[in-house]
Amino acid sequence: MVARSLVAVVDDDPSVRESLPDLLWEFGFRSQAFSSAEEFLASEYVGETRCLILDIAMPGMSGPDLQRELMLRRQQIPIVFITAHGDETVRPRVLDQGAVECLIKPFSDTALREAVRAAL
């Protein structure tokens, strides 16, 4: 059997942390959900994560803060940002900083699957 790639979900919204892992499993990926950037960084999953689905606005360290921290640590993990705040300036900024995609909530299953596949 082919090993499933690990996709980490980092979002402070419990409903997102509950629904996305099931969806990712249906797409053929393993996943691990975290309620904060700090929790993800403290986990043993950082090294094996192949894609990060990351909320932009969270208490404490934001998604872009985590993106910068991973760059400083030389951890090259492709990032798909998700956000409920459809600010027109956010998407181009995070894409310029290396994100694969930035999806505005609510997004379709297809949009998420395509973004994760592009990241991998």
N, C-alpha and C. Protein backbone atom coordinates (compact mmCIF):
# COMPACT_ATOMS: atom_id res chain seq x y z
N MET A 1 0.84 -1.19 0.00
CA MET A 1 0.00 0.00 0.00
C MET A 1 0.88 1.25 0.00
N VAL A 2 0.49 2.23 -0.75
CA VAL A 2 1.23 3.49 -0.82
C VAL A 2 0.94 4.31 0.45
N ALA A 3 1.99 4.84 1.03
CA ALA A 3 1.80 5.67 2.22
C ALA A 3 1.06 6.95 1.84
N ARG A 4 0.09 7.32 2.64
CA ARG A 4 -0.66 8.55 2.40
C ARG A 4 0.17 9.73 2.89
N SER A 5 0.22 10.79 2.10
CA SER A 5 0.94 12.00 2.51
C SER A 5 0.21 12.65 3.68
N LEU A 6 0.98 13.20 4.62
CA LEU A 6 0.38 13.86 5.77
C LEU A 6 0.08 15.32 5.44
N VAL A 7 -1.17 15.70 5.64
CA VAL A 7 -1.61 17.08 5.48
C VAL A 7 -2.02 17.58 6.86
N ALA A 8 -1.36 18.63 7.33
CA ALA A 8 -1.70 19.20 8.65
C ALA A 8 -2.70 20.34 8.46
N VAL A 9 -3.69 20.39 9.34
CA VAL A 9 -4.70 21.45 9.35
C VAL A 9 -4.48 22.26 10.61
N VAL A 10 -4.26 23.58 10.45
CA VAL A 10 -4.08 24.45 11.60
C VAL A 10 -5.16 25.53 11.54
N ASP A 11 -6.14 25.45 12.44
CA ASP A 11 -7.26 26.39 12.44
C ASP A 11 -7.83 26.46 13.85
N ASP A 12 -8.15 27.67 14.31
CA ASP A 12 -8.71 27.81 15.65
C ASP A 12 -10.20 27.45 15.71
N ASP A 13 -10.83 27.21 14.57
CA ASP A 13 -12.26 26.89 14.49
C ASP A 13 -12.45 25.37 14.64
N PRO A 14 -13.10 24.92 15.73
CA PRO A 14 -13.27 23.48 15.93
C PRO A 14 -14.01 22.78 14.79
N SER A 15 -14.97 23.44 14.17
CA SER A 15 -15.72 22.80 13.09
C SER A 15 -14.82 22.50 11.89
N VAL A 16 -13.86 23.39 11.63
CA VAL A 16 -12.91 23.16 10.54
C VAL A 16 -11.99 21.99 10.90
N ARG A 17 -11.52 21.96 12.15
CA ARG A 17 -10.63 20.88 12.59
C ARG A 17 -11.34 19.52 12.58
N GLU A 18 -12.67 19.52 12.73
CA GLU A 18 -13.41 18.26 12.70
C GLU A 18 -13.74 17.82 11.28
N SER A 19 -14.09 18.77 10.41
CA SER A 19 -14.56 18.39 9.07
C SER A 19 -13.43 18.15 8.06
N LEU A 20 -12.39 18.97 8.08
CA LEU A 20 -11.35 18.84 7.06
C LEU A 20 -10.59 17.50 7.11
N PRO A 21 -10.23 16.97 8.28
CA PRO A 21 -9.53 15.67 8.27
C PRO A 21 -10.33 14.56 7.59
N ASP A 22 -11.65 14.52 7.80
CA ASP A 22 -12.48 13.50 7.15
C ASP A 22 -12.44 13.68 5.64
N LEU A 23 -12.56 14.92 5.20
CA LEU A 23 -12.54 15.23 3.77
C LEU A 23 -11.18 14.86 3.17
N LEU A 24 -10.11 15.20 3.86
CA LEU A 24 -8.76 14.89 3.37
C LEU A 24 -8.56 13.37 3.26
N TRP A 25 -9.12 12.62 4.22
CA TRP A 25 -9.02 11.16 4.17
C TRP A 25 -9.73 10.65 2.91
N GLU A 26 -10.91 11.21 2.63
CA GLU A 26 -11.64 10.82 1.41
C GLU A 26 -10.80 11.10 0.15
N PHE A 27 -10.01 12.16 0.20
CA PHE A 27 -9.15 12.52 -0.94
C PHE A 27 -7.90 11.63 -1.03
N GLY A 28 -7.65 10.83 0.02
CA GLY A 28 -6.51 9.93 0.00
C GLY A 28 -5.31 10.39 0.80
N PHE A 29 -5.53 11.32 1.73
CA PHE A 29 -4.42 11.84 2.55
C PHE A 29 -4.63 11.49 4.02
N ARG A 30 -3.52 11.38 4.75
CA ARG A 30 -3.59 11.34 6.22
C ARG A 30 -3.64 12.79 6.66
N SER A 31 -4.20 13.04 7.84
CA SER A 31 -4.18 14.42 8.32
C SER A 31 -4.08 14.44 9.83
N GLN A 32 -3.64 15.58 10.30
CA GLN A 32 -3.53 15.84 11.72
C GLN A 32 -3.99 17.29 11.90
N ALA A 33 -4.88 17.52 12.87
CA ALA A 33 -5.42 18.87 13.07
C ALA A 33 -4.85 19.49 14.34
N PHE A 34 -4.62 20.80 14.26
CA PHE A 34 -4.05 21.56 15.37
C PHE A 34 -4.88 22.83 15.57
N SER A 35 -5.05 23.24 16.83
CA SER A 35 -5.87 24.42 17.12
C SER A 35 -5.08 25.72 17.06
N SER A 36 -3.75 25.61 16.95
CA SER A 36 -2.93 26.82 16.88
C SER A 36 -1.61 26.53 16.18
N ALA A 37 -0.99 27.61 15.71
CA ALA A 37 0.34 27.50 15.09
C ALA A 37 1.34 26.97 16.11
N GLU A 38 1.23 27.45 17.33
CA GLU A 38 2.14 27.02 18.39
C GLU A 38 2.03 25.52 18.65
N GLU A 39 0.78 25.01 18.64
CA GLU A 39 0.56 23.57 18.86
C GLU A 39 1.20 22.76 17.72
N PHE A 40 1.06 23.24 16.49
CA PHE A 40 1.68 22.55 15.35
C PHE A 40 3.20 22.53 15.50
N LEU A 41 3.80 23.69 15.80
CA LEU A 41 5.26 23.78 15.91
C LEU A 41 5.80 22.88 17.03
N ALA A 42 5.01 22.67 18.08
CA ALA A 42 5.45 21.86 19.22
C ALA A 42 5.24 20.36 18.97
N SER A 43 4.57 20.01 17.87
CA SER A 43 4.24 18.61 17.61
C SER A 43 5.39 17.88 16.93
N GLU A 44 5.28 16.54 16.91
CA GLU A 44 6.28 15.74 16.20
C GLU A 44 5.95 15.62 14.72
N TYR A 45 4.88 16.28 14.27
CA TYR A 45 4.43 16.13 12.88
C TYR A 45 5.05 17.13 11.90
N VAL A 46 5.75 18.14 12.40
CA VAL A 46 6.29 19.18 11.51
C VAL A 46 7.16 18.57 10.41
N GLY A 47 8.05 17.66 10.78
CA GLY A 47 8.98 17.08 9.83
C GLY A 47 8.34 16.20 8.76
N GLU A 48 7.20 15.58 9.07
CA GLU A 48 6.58 14.68 8.09
C GLU A 48 5.41 15.33 7.34
N THR A 49 5.06 16.56 7.70
CA THR A 49 3.96 17.25 7.02
C THR A 49 4.36 17.59 5.59
N ARG A 50 3.54 17.18 4.62
CA ARG A 50 3.82 17.43 3.20
C ARG A 50 3.03 18.62 2.66
N CYS A 51 1.98 19.02 3.39
CA CYS A 51 1.17 20.18 3.02
C CYS A 51 0.51 20.70 4.28
N LEU A 52 0.39 22.01 4.36
CA LEU A 52 -0.19 22.66 5.53
C LEU A 52 -1.42 23.45 5.07
N ILE A 53 -2.58 23.12 5.65
CA ILE A 53 -3.78 23.92 5.42
C ILE A 53 -3.88 24.83 6.63
N LEU A 54 -3.75 26.12 6.39
CA LEU A 54 -3.47 27.06 7.46
C LEU A 54 -4.42 28.25 7.44
N ASP A 55 -5.09 28.46 8.59
CA ASP A 55 -5.96 29.63 8.73
C ASP A 55 -5.08 30.87 8.82
N ILE A 56 -5.54 31.96 8.24
CA ILE A 56 -4.76 33.20 8.28
C ILE A 56 -4.87 33.89 9.64
N ALA A 57 -6.10 34.08 10.11
CA ALA A 57 -6.32 34.84 11.36
C ALA A 57 -6.61 33.89 12.51
N MET A 58 -5.67 33.84 13.46
CA MET A 58 -5.85 33.01 14.66
C MET A 58 -5.31 33.77 15.86
N PRO A 59 -5.83 33.46 17.05
CA PRO A 59 -5.25 34.07 18.25
C PRO A 59 -3.79 33.62 18.39
N GLY A 60 -2.96 34.46 18.96
CA GLY A 60 -1.55 34.10 19.09
C GLY A 60 -0.86 34.27 17.74
N MET A 61 -0.11 33.26 17.35
CA MET A 61 0.63 33.30 16.09
C MET A 61 -0.34 33.14 14.92
N SER A 62 -0.32 34.08 13.99
CA SER A 62 -1.21 34.01 12.81
C SER A 62 -0.64 33.03 11.79
N GLY A 63 -1.44 32.73 10.76
CA GLY A 63 -0.95 31.88 9.68
C GLY A 63 0.30 32.43 9.02
N PRO A 64 0.28 33.71 8.59
CA PRO A 64 1.51 34.28 8.00
C PRO A 64 2.70 34.27 8.96
N ASP A 65 2.45 34.42 10.28
CA ASP A 65 3.55 34.32 11.26
C ASP A 65 4.16 32.92 11.22
N LEU A 66 3.29 31.90 11.16
CA LEU A 66 3.78 30.52 11.10
C LEU A 66 4.55 30.30 9.80
N GLN A 67 4.06 30.85 8.70
CA GLN A 67 4.75 30.73 7.41
C GLN A 67 6.18 31.29 7.54
N ARG A 68 6.32 32.47 8.16
CA ARG A 68 7.64 33.08 8.35
C ARG A 68 8.53 32.22 9.26
N GLU A 69 7.93 31.69 10.34
CA GLU A 69 8.69 30.86 11.28
C GLU A 69 9.22 29.60 10.59
N LEU A 70 8.40 28.98 9.75
CA LEU A 70 8.84 27.79 9.02
C LEU A 70 9.99 28.13 8.07
N MET A 71 9.92 29.32 7.43
CA MET A 71 11.01 29.75 6.55
C MET A 71 12.30 29.92 7.34
N LEU A 72 12.18 30.53 8.51
CA LEU A 72 13.36 30.73 9.37
C LEU A 72 13.97 29.38 9.78
N ARG A 73 13.11 28.39 9.99
CA ARG A 73 13.58 27.05 10.38
C ARG A 73 13.99 26.22 9.16
N ARG A 74 13.88 26.79 7.98
CA ARG A 74 14.18 26.09 6.73
C ARG A 74 13.32 24.84 6.54
N GLN A 75 12.08 24.93 7.01
CA GLN A 75 11.10 23.85 6.82
C GLN A 75 10.29 24.22 5.58
N GLN A 76 10.51 23.52 4.50
CA GLN A 76 9.83 23.83 3.24
C GLN A 76 8.54 23.02 3.14
N ILE A 77 7.47 23.55 3.71
CA ILE A 77 6.17 22.88 3.67
C ILE A 77 5.24 23.73 2.81
N PRO A 78 4.71 23.17 1.72
CA PRO A 78 3.75 23.94 0.91
C PRO A 78 2.52 24.30 1.74
N ILE A 79 2.05 25.54 1.58
CA ILE A 79 0.94 26.04 2.40
C ILE A 79 -0.25 26.41 1.53
N VAL A 80 -1.43 25.93 1.96
CA VAL A 80 -2.70 26.37 1.41
C VAL A 80 -3.37 27.16 2.52
N PHE A 81 -3.48 28.47 2.34
CA PHE A 81 -4.15 29.29 3.35
C PHE A 81 -5.66 29.21 3.17
N ILE A 82 -6.38 29.27 4.29
CA ILE A 82 -7.83 29.39 4.26
C ILE A 82 -8.21 30.55 5.17
N THR A 83 -9.24 31.29 4.78
CA THR A 83 -9.63 32.44 5.58
C THR A 83 -11.12 32.74 5.43
N ALA A 84 -11.71 33.23 6.50
CA ALA A 84 -13.11 33.67 6.45
C ALA A 84 -13.16 35.16 6.13
N HIS A 85 -12.00 35.81 6.12
CA HIS A 85 -11.94 37.26 5.88
C HIS A 85 -11.50 37.50 4.44
N GLY A 86 -12.47 37.78 3.58
CA GLY A 86 -12.18 37.92 2.16
C GLY A 86 -11.57 39.25 1.77
N ASP A 87 -10.63 39.73 2.55
CA ASP A 87 -9.93 40.98 2.26
C ASP A 87 -9.12 40.81 0.97
N GLU A 88 -9.34 41.69 0.02
CA GLU A 88 -8.70 41.59 -1.30
C GLU A 88 -7.17 41.64 -1.25
N THR A 89 -6.61 42.24 -0.21
CA THR A 89 -5.14 42.39 -0.15
C THR A 89 -4.45 41.15 0.40
N VAL A 90 -5.19 40.30 1.13
CA VAL A 90 -4.57 39.16 1.80
C VAL A 90 -4.07 38.12 0.82
N ARG A 91 -4.92 37.72 -0.13
CA ARG A 91 -4.57 36.63 -1.05
C ARG A 91 -3.29 36.92 -1.84
N PRO A 92 -3.20 38.07 -2.52
CA PRO A 92 -1.97 38.32 -3.27
C PRO A 92 -0.73 38.36 -2.37
N ARG A 93 -0.89 38.87 -1.16
CA ARG A 93 0.25 38.98 -0.25
C ARG A 93 0.77 37.60 0.15
N VAL A 94 -0.14 36.69 0.55
CA VAL A 94 0.35 35.37 0.98
C VAL A 94 0.86 34.55 -0.21
N LEU A 95 0.27 34.75 -1.38
CA LEU A 95 0.77 34.05 -2.57
C LEU A 95 2.17 34.56 -2.93
N ASP A 96 2.37 35.87 -2.81
CA ASP A 96 3.70 36.45 -3.06
C ASP A 96 4.75 35.88 -2.10
N GLN A 97 4.31 35.54 -0.89
CA GLN A 97 5.25 35.02 0.11
C GLN A 97 5.41 33.51 0.02
N GLY A 98 4.87 32.92 -1.05
CA GLY A 98 5.15 31.51 -1.30
C GLY A 98 4.02 30.53 -1.08
N ALA A 99 2.85 30.99 -0.66
CA ALA A 99 1.73 30.05 -0.48
C ALA A 99 1.30 29.50 -1.83
N VAL A 100 0.82 28.27 -1.83
CA VAL A 100 0.35 27.62 -3.05
C VAL A 100 -1.01 28.20 -3.46
N GLU A 101 -1.87 28.43 -2.47
CA GLU A 101 -3.23 28.91 -2.73
C GLU A 101 -3.76 29.59 -1.48
N CYS A 102 -4.79 30.40 -1.67
CA CYS A 102 -5.49 31.02 -0.55
C CYS A 102 -6.98 30.92 -0.86
N LEU A 103 -7.67 30.08 -0.11
CA LEU A 103 -9.10 29.84 -0.32
C LEU A 103 -9.93 30.63 0.68
N ILE A 104 -11.01 31.24 0.18
CA ILE A 104 -11.92 32.00 1.04
C ILE A 104 -13.03 31.06 1.51
N LYS A 105 -13.25 30.99 2.84
CA LYS A 105 -14.32 30.16 3.39
C LYS A 105 -15.67 30.79 3.05
N PRO A 106 -16.70 30.03 2.73
CA PRO A 106 -16.66 28.59 2.52
C PRO A 106 -16.15 28.28 1.12
N PHE A 107 -15.29 27.29 1.02
CA PHE A 107 -14.74 26.88 -0.28
C PHE A 107 -15.28 25.49 -0.61
N SER A 108 -15.23 25.12 -1.88
CA SER A 108 -15.75 23.82 -2.30
C SER A 108 -14.73 22.72 -2.01
N ASP A 109 -15.24 21.50 -1.90
CA ASP A 109 -14.36 20.33 -1.73
C ASP A 109 -13.38 20.26 -2.89
N THR A 110 -13.88 20.54 -4.09
CA THR A 110 -13.05 20.47 -5.29
C THR A 110 -11.91 21.49 -5.22
N ALA A 111 -12.21 22.71 -4.80
CA ALA A 111 -11.18 23.75 -4.69
C ALA A 111 -10.09 23.31 -3.70
N LEU A 112 -10.50 22.71 -2.59
CA LEU A 112 -9.53 22.26 -1.60
C LEU A 112 -8.69 21.10 -2.15
N ARG A 113 -9.34 20.15 -2.79
CA ARG A 113 -8.61 19.00 -3.35
C ARG A 113 -7.58 19.47 -4.39
N GLU A 114 -7.98 20.37 -5.26
CA GLU A 114 -7.07 20.89 -6.28
C GLU A 114 -5.90 21.64 -5.65
N ALA A 115 -6.17 22.44 -4.62
CA ALA A 115 -5.11 23.20 -3.94
C ALA A 115 -4.10 22.27 -3.28
N VAL A 116 -4.60 21.22 -2.60
CA VAL A 116 -3.70 20.27 -1.93
C VAL A 116 -2.89 19.50 -2.97
N ARG A 117 -3.53 19.09 -4.05
CA ARG A 117 -2.79 18.37 -5.11
C ARG A 117 -1.71 19.27 -5.72
N ALA A 118 -2.04 20.55 -5.92
CA ALA A 118 -1.04 21.50 -6.46
C ALA A 118 0.13 21.63 -5.48
N ALA A 119 -0.16 21.63 -4.19
CA ALA A 119 0.87 21.77 -3.17
C ALA A 119 1.81 20.55 -3.16
N LEU A 120 1.24 19.38 -3.40
CA LEU A 120 2.04 18.15 -3.36
C LEU A 120 2.72 17.90 -4.70
